[in-house]
Amino acid sequence: MKATSTDIPKIKSLWKEVFGDSEDYIHRFITHFGIDGCYVCQMNDEIIAMTFAIPTTLINSINLKSISLKYLYACATHPNFRKQGIMEKLLATIYEESCSENYAGIFLYAANHSLQNYYKKLGFEDYFFRNHSFYYNHKEHKENAKSETVDFNSLHSLQNPLQFKNFNLITPENYYQKRIKKLKNFSFINWNKDFFKFMNETGTQFFEYENGIFSLRTNDNMIIIDEWLDTDTQNQIANLFFEQYPDFETVQIRTLGKEICCGQIKWRKPFEHKPKNGYFAFAME
């Protein structure tokens, strides 16, 4: 069933218990996206399972047409009610309703291989792919570097954004526009401008430079590049990050590629004219 405004405190409580996200992030998400797309399962006046279905589009590189999809986020079941088929029924309801509304399907990001296999049993297929690269700061580099100590907790707030000599900070709207041009030869999830605004409000920064664009966020002592759209050598760029912020230990860069499955989809049946595979970034994971 669809959630109502009176369910918000219970939704927040279940979300925090299952995922451990901050109250600030949960509040920002619900304020931004609302609960019109939130489906819940209740028992004894308690919400025991939930998920959000966010409308978006997949741009087909073959004919440049938009394919309407729903992105499933925050799929959560209370620990006391798992392995009872509750989430399976909830996802089936969303799927049927989405198909009846003429959406081409639903898709999601599985946090691990076990969940990936679980969703495959429910009719989802591996569809979205990308490459992941990790770069590590050398100990001798850190010992010789001269910089102020980085407060990693403060970096999650845009009140203290990272700044780089080599890159220009740009607005979410500007990034959205440049991103479409960069991905014109690929089939990709095309988040709207409002989505990038939310990402910016919750800690993601957007940059451009001579050869490309990228997004950046931090997690403890790691710099995470959720999307890197460029032609430069990644290890050289990672070294630039370490030179300017040597207290970070790791840089993770996610790029276009077919190395790792980063999203699964369940298509409406029958549905033709679908691209062979797609590119998906910003899962809010």
Foldseek 3Di string as FASTA:
>chain_A
DFDDPVCLVLVLVQLCVFPVDDSVLSVLVCVLQPRRQKDFDDDPNHTFWIWGWAWFWKQDLVVRDTAIETEIPSGTGHPVDPPPCPSLVRVVVVQVVCVVVVHFWYKYFDPDVVVVVVVVVSQWDQFAAWDKDKDFFDPVLLVPADDDADDQVCQQAPVDDDDAPQKDWDQLVVCLVQVCVLCSNFTEIRDDSSVSNSVVRRRKTKIAHDFFIWIWGGDRLEIETQETRGDDDVVVVVVRVCNVHVSRTMYMHIYHDHPDRGMIIRGDPPDDPDDRHHHYTDSVD
